[in-house]
Amino acid sequence: MPPPERQILSLIEGISTASQDRFSVFSYNILCDNATRQQYNYTPSEALKWEYRRDAILQEIKQRDADIVCLQEVDVDSFKEYFSPSLAHHDYKGVFWPKSRAKTMSERDAKIVDGCATFYKVSKYLLLDKQLVDFSNIAINRPDMKSQHDIYNRIMPRDQMAVVTFFENRTTGTRLIVANGHLYWDPAFPDVKLIQTAILTDSVKSFAEKYARWPACKDKKPYKMRDEIADDGQTESIPEFAPSMEYTSSTQLPLVMCVDLNSTAESSAYELLSKGRVGPEHEDLAGFSYGPYSRDGIEHPFSLRSAYSILDDGPDKLTFTNYVPNFVGVIDHIFYSTNALEVNSLLGGVDPEYMKRVPGFPNYHFPSDHISLLAEFSVKGRKEKKALPEPDFGPSSRRDRGRD
């Protein structure tokens, strides 16, 4: 029997958001094509077939209808041959990079290598830039890390990565950075996850410094809207487009990070994102040589919070994003910049009564061993500095000045 629908939890009851600049972000580790019966022997064979799972994943993406879709564990072939063409019919374009091992493989073998894919609504957003963050490649090429043996022994062999995209809202002119990443899975390597997170935040910081100076867009009309005919035969009106928003610093730009951290809220990777710093004395750095990271600690300038942490003190607290017989926990996260964004709503968890009869995911109702996350955000209004009026001491004072 299927579970009840997951509920959208509104965090702004009674508050009108009609005039606000809003957008939604969907994040999902979809469990790539090579899942086997040996790994998931509790899953019915039909429910484990990729053809069944990918159709269910696509259906959920279409149902949630988010403005930004961040997928992890998408293989090359599925991105090119299935998700891209299927989602193109629903106003989406995608940005994708596979893990670096794909470069060393034959074309046939490379098709099954997974990576991260970010899709976006073309009618709403302009893609201004896209960047690959290849953790191991960045680490081994940093001058201040080249002599560190732990970089070569622990970081370099793991080819996890992230995709960073930079958008502009065509209508409002606001800009948005979206990071979509997937960290190393093994719980025995918390230091590796921490360093990968550090490289990700360093990279986002570097990109954001460039993006804060990005020039204004001249033409923001999507091609499909120029001569588009509506169902009633009338030409659709083209909305007015606001000028590109200007930003004075890298941290002023709205930022969303959809990351399968493979780490819970108690981890150092989560601590770095949510608190902005992990000191060199942290146990996950102890005994390792990671250049300035292990010598000085790790920090980033962004004011980040996990969107789902808002639910932690209430009855709707999310209890898992990954559900298998040997692990149940929240390891997928949507972080956002609290100075620029606020959360309007979140997709709730899975019905607890249904979970009492489920040994693990995937199954017929949940096509991955992870569940999807969905958050709607509002862009906060900019606080402009008000010019202070010149003090007026009255007419007598002005007359006195004239006598000097």
Protein backbone atom coordinates (compact mmCIF):
# COMPACT_ATOMS: atom_id res chain seq x y z
CA MET A 1 0.00 0.00 0.00
CA PRO A 2 1.46 3.40 -0.96
CA PRO A 3 2.27 5.90 1.79
CA PRO A 4 0.38 9.17 2.25
CA GLU A 5 1.73 12.05 0.16
CA ARG A 6 4.60 13.94 1.76
CA GLN A 7 3.26 17.30 2.89
CA ILE A 8 4.51 20.78 2.05
CA LEU A 9 5.20 22.48 5.39
CA SER A 10 4.60 26.21 5.27
CA LEU A 11 6.83 28.29 7.53
CA ILE A 12 5.11 31.60 6.81
CA GLU A 13 1.44 30.98 7.64
CA GLY A 14 -0.61 34.14 7.30
CA ILE A 15 2.18 36.09 5.61
CA SER A 16 1.63 37.18 2.02
CA THR A 17 4.55 36.44 -0.30
CA ALA A 18 2.79 37.41 -3.52
CA SER A 19 5.09 40.34 -4.21
CA GLN A 20 8.31 38.63 -3.14
CA ASP A 21 11.00 37.18 -5.38
CA ARG A 22 10.54 33.46 -4.72
CA PHE A 23 12.13 30.31 -6.08
CA SER A 24 12.15 26.59 -5.21
CA VAL A 25 15.04 24.13 -5.09
CA PHE A 26 14.73 20.34 -5.34
CA SER A 27 17.65 18.12 -4.31
CA TYR A 28 17.84 14.34 -4.76
CA ASN A 29 20.50 11.62 -4.73
CA ILE A 30 18.81 9.33 -7.23
CA LEU A 31 20.99 6.19 -6.72
CA CYS A 32 22.66 5.65 -10.06
CA ASP A 33 21.98 2.92 -12.60
CA ASN A 34 24.47 0.35 -11.26
CA ALA A 35 22.58 -0.56 -8.05
CA THR A 36 22.61 -4.37 -7.70
CA ARG A 37 20.53 -7.06 -6.01
CA GLN A 38 23.58 -7.95 -3.95
CA GLN A 39 23.54 -4.46 -2.44
CA TYR A 40 19.76 -4.17 -2.13
CA ASN A 41 18.55 -7.74 -1.62
CA TYR A 42 15.46 -6.52 0.26
CA THR A 43 14.26 -4.56 -2.79
CA PRO A 44 11.90 -6.34 -5.23
CA SER A 45 13.66 -7.02 -8.52
CA GLU A 46 11.18 -5.01 -10.56
CA ALA A 47 11.49 -2.02 -8.21
CA LEU A 48 15.30 -2.10 -8.54
CA LYS A 49 15.31 -2.00 -12.33
CA TRP A 50 16.69 1.28 -13.62
CA GLU A 51 13.89 1.68 -16.15
CA TYR A 52 11.35 1.59 -13.33
CA ARG A 53 13.34 3.81 -10.98
CA ARG A 54 14.24 6.47 -13.52
CA ASP A 55 10.61 6.84 -14.58
CA ALA A 56 9.56 7.27 -10.94
CA ILE A 57 12.36 9.83 -10.39
CA LEU A 58 11.32 11.79 -13.47
CA GLN A 59 7.71 11.74 -12.34
CA GLU A 60 8.65 13.21 -8.96
CA ILE A 61 10.77 15.94 -10.56
CA LYS A 62 7.82 16.89 -12.74
CA GLN A 63 5.42 16.75 -9.79
CA ARG A 64 7.56 19.02 -7.59
CA ASP A 65 8.05 21.46 -10.48
CA ALA A 66 10.95 23.26 -8.79
CA ASP A 67 12.78 26.16 -10.40
CA ILE A 68 16.17 24.55 -9.68
CA VAL A 69 16.73 20.77 -9.61
CA CYS A 70 19.97 19.35 -8.17
CA LEU A 71 20.55 15.64 -8.75
CA GLN A 72 23.43 13.54 -7.47
CA GLU A 73 24.51 10.10 -8.78
CA VAL A 74 23.39 10.78 -12.34
CA ASP A 75 25.34 8.70 -14.85
CA VAL A 76 26.50 10.11 -18.17
CA ASP A 77 24.15 8.05 -20.31
CA SER A 78 21.07 8.79 -18.19
CA PHE A 79 21.77 12.52 -18.26
CA LYS A 80 22.23 12.67 -22.02
CA GLU A 81 19.70 10.11 -23.20
CA TYR A 82 16.94 10.31 -20.60
CA PHE A 83 16.76 13.20 -18.15
CA SER A 84 17.89 16.03 -20.46
CA PRO A 85 15.51 15.26 -23.34
CA SER A 86 12.64 14.36 -21.00
CA LEU A 87 12.95 17.50 -18.88
CA ALA A 88 13.42 19.73 -21.93
CA HIS A 89 9.69 19.27 -22.53
CA HIS A 90 9.06 20.83 -19.12
CA ASP A 91 11.10 24.02 -19.56
CA TYR A 92 14.36 22.64 -18.08
CA LYS A 93 17.93 22.81 -19.28
CA GLY A 94 20.74 21.00 -17.50
CA VAL A 95 24.40 21.38 -16.52
CA PHE A 96 26.31 18.17 -15.80
CA TRP A 97 29.79 16.87 -15.05
CA PRO A 98 30.72 13.27 -14.26
CA LYS A 99 33.44 12.20 -11.84
CA SER A 100 36.96 12.62 -13.18
CA ARG A 101 37.49 8.89 -13.75
CA ALA A 102 35.34 9.25 -16.90
CA LYS A 103 38.27 11.04 -18.59
CA THR A 104 40.43 7.91 -18.35
CA MET A 105 37.82 5.47 -19.70
CA SER A 106 36.62 4.42 -23.09
CA GLU A 107 33.48 6.15 -24.34
CA ARG A 108 31.46 3.02 -23.64
CA ASP A 109 32.70 2.61 -20.07
CA ALA A 110 32.43 6.32 -19.32
CA LYS A 111 28.68 6.20 -19.91
CA ILE A 112 28.09 4.57 -16.53
CA VAL A 113 30.18 7.07 -14.51
CA ASP A 114 27.99 9.21 -12.28
CA GLY A 115 28.19 12.87 -11.38
CA CYS A 116 26.03 15.87 -10.47
CA ALA A 117 23.37 17.46 -12.68
CA THR A 118 21.70 20.82 -12.12
CA PHE A 119 18.56 21.61 -14.10
CA TYR A 120 16.88 25.02 -14.19
CA LYS A 121 13.69 26.57 -15.59
CA VAL A 122 14.76 28.31 -18.79
CA SER A 123 11.81 30.69 -18.82
CA LYS A 124 12.72 31.96 -15.34
CA TYR A 125 16.52 31.88 -15.21
CA LEU A 126 19.47 32.82 -17.35
CA LEU A 127 22.56 30.67 -16.83
CA LEU A 128 25.45 33.13 -16.48
CA ASP A 129 28.23 30.69 -15.59
CA LYS A 130 28.94 27.06 -14.74
CA GLN A 131 31.98 25.56 -13.03
CA LEU A 132 33.23 22.10 -12.11
CA VAL A 133 34.75 21.65 -8.65
CA ASP A 134 36.96 18.56 -8.90
CA PHE A 135 38.07 18.05 -5.29
CA SER A 136 41.08 15.78 -5.83
CA ASN A 137 42.41 17.69 -8.83
CA ILE A 138 42.17 21.02 -7.00
CA ALA A 139 43.87 19.57 -3.90
CA ILE A 140 46.89 18.10 -5.66
CA ASN A 141 47.44 21.26 -7.71
CA ARG A 142 47.40 23.72 -4.82
CA PRO A 143 50.96 24.98 -4.23
CA ASP A 144 50.45 24.95 -0.46
CA MET A 145 49.43 21.27 -0.48
CA LYS A 146 51.73 19.69 -3.03
CA SER A 147 54.14 18.32 -0.44
CA GLN A 148 51.43 16.87 1.82
CA HIS A 149 51.38 13.05 1.66
CA ASP A 150 47.85 12.84 3.06
CA ILE A 151 46.60 14.76 0.03
CA TYR A 152 47.97 12.05 -2.24
CA ASN A 153 47.03 9.08 -0.06
CA ARG A 154 43.57 10.13 1.12
CA ILE A 155 42.15 12.95 -1.04
CA MET A 156 43.49 12.21 -4.52
CA PRO A 157 42.06 8.64 -4.83
CA ARG A 158 38.50 9.90 -4.23
CA ASP A 159 37.06 11.61 -7.30
CA GLN A 160 33.94 13.18 -5.88
CA MET A 161 32.98 16.56 -7.27
CA ALA A 162 30.48 19.42 -7.33
CA VAL A 163 28.87 21.63 -9.95
CA VAL A 164 28.52 25.38 -9.29
CA THR A 165 26.06 27.39 -11.38
CA PHE A 166 25.33 31.12 -11.46
CA PHE A 167 21.89 32.38 -12.50
CA GLU A 168 19.96 35.57 -13.04
CA ASN A 169 16.19 35.75 -12.64
CA ARG A 170 15.01 37.11 -15.99
CA THR A 171 12.10 39.05 -14.48
CA THR A 172 13.47 40.43 -11.21
CA GLY A 173 17.18 40.75 -12.04
CA THR A 174 18.28 39.01 -8.82
CA ARG A 175 21.19 36.62 -9.09
CA LEU A 176 21.78 33.27 -7.44
CA ILE A 177 24.69 30.87 -6.89
CA VAL A 178 23.78 27.17 -6.67
CA ALA A 179 26.32 24.54 -5.59
CA ASN A 180 25.39 20.90 -6.18
CA GLY A 181 27.82 18.40 -4.65
CA HIS A 182 28.39 14.83 -3.53
CA LEU A 183 31.07 13.92 -0.97
CA TYR A 184 32.88 10.66 -0.24
CA TRP A 185 30.66 8.04 1.39
CA ASP A 186 32.92 6.08 3.78
CA PRO A 187 32.29 6.93 7.49
CA ALA A 188 35.89 5.92 8.24
CA PHE A 189 37.14 9.02 6.36
CA PRO A 190 35.62 12.08 8.08
CA ASP A 191 38.80 14.03 7.33
CA VAL A 192 38.34 13.47 3.59
CA LYS A 193 34.75 14.76 3.76
CA LEU A 194 35.90 17.80 5.70
CA ILE A 195 38.65 18.63 3.20
CA GLN A 196 36.26 18.13 0.28
CA THR A 197 33.82 20.53 1.99
CA ALA A 198 36.66 23.02 2.53
CA ILE A 199 37.62 22.87 -1.15
CA LEU A 200 33.97 23.37 -2.10
CA THR A 201 33.54 26.47 0.09
CA ASP A 202 36.90 27.88 -1.04
CA SER A 203 35.82 27.41 -4.66
CA VAL A 204 32.41 29.00 -4.10
CA LYS A 205 34.11 31.94 -2.38
CA SER A 206 36.44 32.43 -5.36
CA PHE A 207 33.57 32.21 -7.85
CA ALA A 208 31.38 34.56 -5.77
CA GLU A 209 34.11 37.22 -5.75
CA LYS A 210 34.07 37.10 -9.55
CA TYR A 211 30.28 36.93 -9.76
CA ALA A 212 29.83 40.03 -7.58
CA ARG A 213 31.54 41.98 -10.38
CA TRP A 214 29.71 40.20 -13.23
CA PRO A 215 28.41 42.67 -15.84
CA ALA A 216 24.73 43.38 -16.33
CA CYS A 217 22.74 41.31 -18.83
CA LYS A 218 21.63 43.14 -21.96
CA ASP A 219 19.10 40.72 -23.48
CA LYS A 220 17.10 38.64 -21.01
CA LYS A 221 14.28 37.41 -23.26
CA PRO A 222 14.20 33.61 -23.57
CA TYR A 223 14.16 32.58 -27.21
CA LYS A 224 11.04 30.42 -26.82
CA MET A 225 8.97 33.39 -25.68
CA ARG A 226 9.60 35.64 -28.67
CA ASP A 227 6.95 34.19 -30.97
CA GLU A 228 5.24 31.78 -28.62
CA ILE A 229 1.56 31.07 -29.30
CA ALA A 230 -0.70 30.19 -26.38
CA ASP A 231 -3.29 27.39 -26.48
CA ASP A 232 -6.04 29.88 -27.36
CA GLY A 233 -4.14 31.05 -30.44
CA GLN A 234 -3.09 34.37 -28.94
CA THR A 235 0.52 35.46 -28.82
CA GLU A 236 1.74 35.33 -25.23
CA SER A 237 2.75 38.65 -23.76
CA ILE A 238 6.42 38.94 -22.87
CA PRO A 239 6.90 40.06 -19.26
CA GLU A 240 8.92 43.13 -18.42
CA PHE A 241 12.44 42.38 -17.30
CA ALA A 242 14.06 44.29 -14.46
CA PRO A 243 17.71 45.36 -14.85
CA SER A 244 20.40 43.08 -13.44
CA MET A 245 20.83 43.43 -9.69
CA GLU A 246 24.15 44.87 -8.60
CA TYR A 247 26.13 43.41 -5.71
CA THR A 248 28.94 45.00 -3.74
CA SER A 249 30.44 41.88 -2.15
CA SER A 250 30.65 38.13 -2.65
CA THR A 251 28.60 37.37 0.46
CA GLN A 252 25.75 39.62 -0.67
CA LEU A 253 24.87 37.20 -3.48
CA PRO A 254 22.13 34.67 -2.60
CA LEU A 255 23.68 31.21 -2.25
CA VAL A 256 22.12 27.73 -2.07
CA MET A 257 24.19 24.57 -1.56
CA CYS A 258 22.52 21.21 -2.23
CA VAL A 259 24.97 18.63 -0.95
CA ASP A 260 24.94 14.93 -0.23
CA LEU A 261 27.50 15.36 2.53
CA ASN A 262 27.35 11.68 3.47
CA SER A 263 27.58 13.28 6.92
CA THR A 264 25.11 14.07 9.69
CA ALA A 265 24.67 17.30 11.63
CA GLU A 266 27.25 16.07 14.19
CA SER A 267 30.05 15.94 11.59
CA SER A 268 32.87 18.39 10.99
CA ALA A 269 31.75 18.86 7.37
CA TYR A 270 28.33 20.05 8.60
CA GLU A 271 29.99 22.16 11.30
CA LEU A 272 32.12 23.95 8.72
CA LEU A 273 29.12 24.82 6.57
CA SER A 274 26.81 25.86 9.41
CA LYS A 275 29.30 27.61 11.72
CA GLY A 276 31.78 28.93 9.18
CA ARG A 277 34.89 27.50 10.86
CA VAL A 278 36.56 24.29 12.00
CA GLY A 279 39.68 24.85 14.07
CA PRO A 280 43.01 23.04 13.58
CA GLU A 281 42.49 21.26 16.90
CA HIS A 282 39.43 19.37 15.59
CA GLU A 283 39.77 15.60 15.95
CA ASP A 284 39.06 15.04 12.26
CA LEU A 285 42.23 16.98 11.40
CA ALA A 286 44.41 15.51 14.16
CA GLY A 287 47.41 13.61 12.85
CA PHE A 288 46.86 14.62 9.22
CA SER A 289 48.86 16.96 7.01
CA TYR A 290 46.57 19.07 4.87
CA GLY A 291 48.67 22.19 4.52
CA PRO A 292 47.03 25.38 5.83
CA TYR A 293 43.79 23.51 6.59
CA SER A 294 45.40 21.38 9.30
CA ARG A 295 47.79 24.15 10.39
CA ASP A 296 45.39 27.12 10.64
CA GLY A 297 41.93 25.58 10.51
CA ILE A 298 39.27 26.01 7.85
CA GLU A 299 36.76 28.81 7.44
CA HIS A 300 34.46 30.46 4.93
CA PRO A 301 32.75 33.88 4.87
CA PHE A 302 29.17 32.81 4.16
CA SER A 303 26.32 32.86 6.67
CA LEU A 304 24.88 29.41 5.98
CA ARG A 305 22.12 27.37 7.58
CA SER A 306 20.58 24.02 6.70
CA ALA A 307 17.00 24.75 5.62
CA TYR A 308 15.71 21.59 7.30
CA SER A 309 17.34 22.49 10.63
CA ILE A 310 14.42 24.92 11.04
CA LEU A 311 12.25 21.86 11.80
CA ASP A 312 14.60 20.36 14.39
CA ASP A 313 12.74 21.52 17.50
CA GLY A 314 9.25 20.61 16.29
CA PRO A 315 7.13 17.55 15.48
CA ASP A 316 8.05 17.71 11.77
CA LYS A 317 11.78 17.23 12.34
CA LEU A 318 13.32 15.30 9.46
CA THR A 319 14.62 11.98 10.81
CA PHE A 320 16.33 10.59 7.71
CA THR A 321 17.25 11.28 4.11
CA ASN A 322 19.07 7.96 3.61
CA TYR A 323 17.25 4.78 4.69
CA VAL A 324 18.90 1.35 4.40
CA PRO A 325 19.04 -1.57 6.86
CA ASN A 326 22.45 -0.63 8.24
CA PHE A 327 21.98 3.16 8.34
CA VAL A 328 19.17 5.64 8.94
CA GLY A 329 20.03 9.34 9.11
CA VAL A 330 20.01 12.81 7.59
CA ILE A 331 23.04 13.13 5.30
CA ASP A 332 21.55 15.23 2.48
CA HIS A 333 21.22 18.95 3.09
CA ILE A 334 20.09 22.20 1.48
CA PHE A 335 22.13 25.07 2.92
CA TYR A 336 21.25 28.70 2.18
CA SER A 337 22.71 32.13 2.87
CA THR A 338 20.64 33.55 5.73
CA ASN A 339 21.59 37.17 5.02
CA ALA A 340 20.07 37.02 1.53
CA LEU A 341 17.36 34.36 1.71
CA GLU A 342 14.57 33.11 3.96
CA VAL A 343 12.74 29.78 3.83
CA ASN A 344 9.03 29.83 2.94
CA SER A 345 8.28 26.10 2.93
CA LEU A 346 9.83 22.63 3.03
CA LEU A 347 8.78 19.21 1.80
CA GLY A 348 8.04 17.10 4.87
CA GLY A 349 9.30 13.62 5.69
CA VAL A 350 7.79 10.19 5.07
CA ASP A 351 4.79 9.00 7.08
CA PRO A 352 6.08 7.23 10.28
CA GLU A 353 3.36 4.56 10.15
CA TYR A 354 4.39 3.60 6.63
CA MET A 355 8.02 3.37 7.71
CA LYS A 356 7.19 0.72 10.32
CA ARG A 357 6.79 -1.87 7.56
CA VAL A 358 9.72 -0.80 5.36
CA PRO A 359 13.11 -2.56 5.74
CA GLY A 360 14.89 -0.05 3.54
CA PHE A 361 14.80 1.97 0.33
CA PRO A 362 14.54 1.72 -2.63
CA ASN A 363 11.13 0.12 -3.08
CA TYR A 364 8.14 0.57 -5.37
CA HIS A 365 7.23 3.91 -3.79
CA PHE A 366 10.71 5.38 -3.28
CA PRO A 367 13.07 4.77 -6.23
CA SER A 368 16.32 5.67 -4.43
CA ASP A 369 17.90 4.81 -1.08
CA HIS A 370 17.67 8.56 -0.42
CA ILE A 371 14.58 10.75 -0.29
CA SER A 372 14.20 14.05 -2.10
CA LEU A 373 14.36 17.46 -0.44
CA LEU A 374 12.46 20.56 -1.55
CA ALA A 375 12.67 24.11 -0.21
CA GLU A 376 11.06 27.33 -1.35
CA PHE A 377 12.96 30.54 -0.65
CA SER A 378 12.26 34.25 -0.77
CA VAL A 379 14.99 36.72 -1.64
CA LYS A 380 15.25 39.25 1.16
CA GLY A 381 14.82 42.90 0.31
CA ARG A 382 18.04 44.85 0.09
CA LYS A 383 18.63 47.37 2.86
CA GLU A 384 19.84 50.48 1.14
CA LYS A 385 21.81 53.02 3.15
CA LYS A 386 19.82 56.19 3.63
CA ALA A 387 21.54 59.50 3.02
CA LEU A 388 21.55 61.54 6.20
CA PRO A 389 19.86 64.94 5.74
CA GLU A 390 21.96 68.02 6.39
CA PRO A 391 21.12 69.39 9.85
CA ASP A 392 18.92 72.47 9.76
CA PHE A 393 19.61 74.89 12.61
CA GLY A 394 16.89 77.34 11.54
CA PRO A 395 16.96 80.69 9.70
CA SER A 396 18.74 82.58 12.48
CA SER A 397 21.65 80.19 12.31
CA ARG A 398 21.95 80.66 8.55
CA ARG A 399 21.91 84.45 8.99
CA ASP A 400 24.64 84.19 11.58
CA ARG A 401 26.80 82.17 9.17
CA GLY A 402 26.56 85.02 6.66
CA ARG A 403 28.11 87.47 9.14
CA ASP A 404 31.36 85.50 9.47
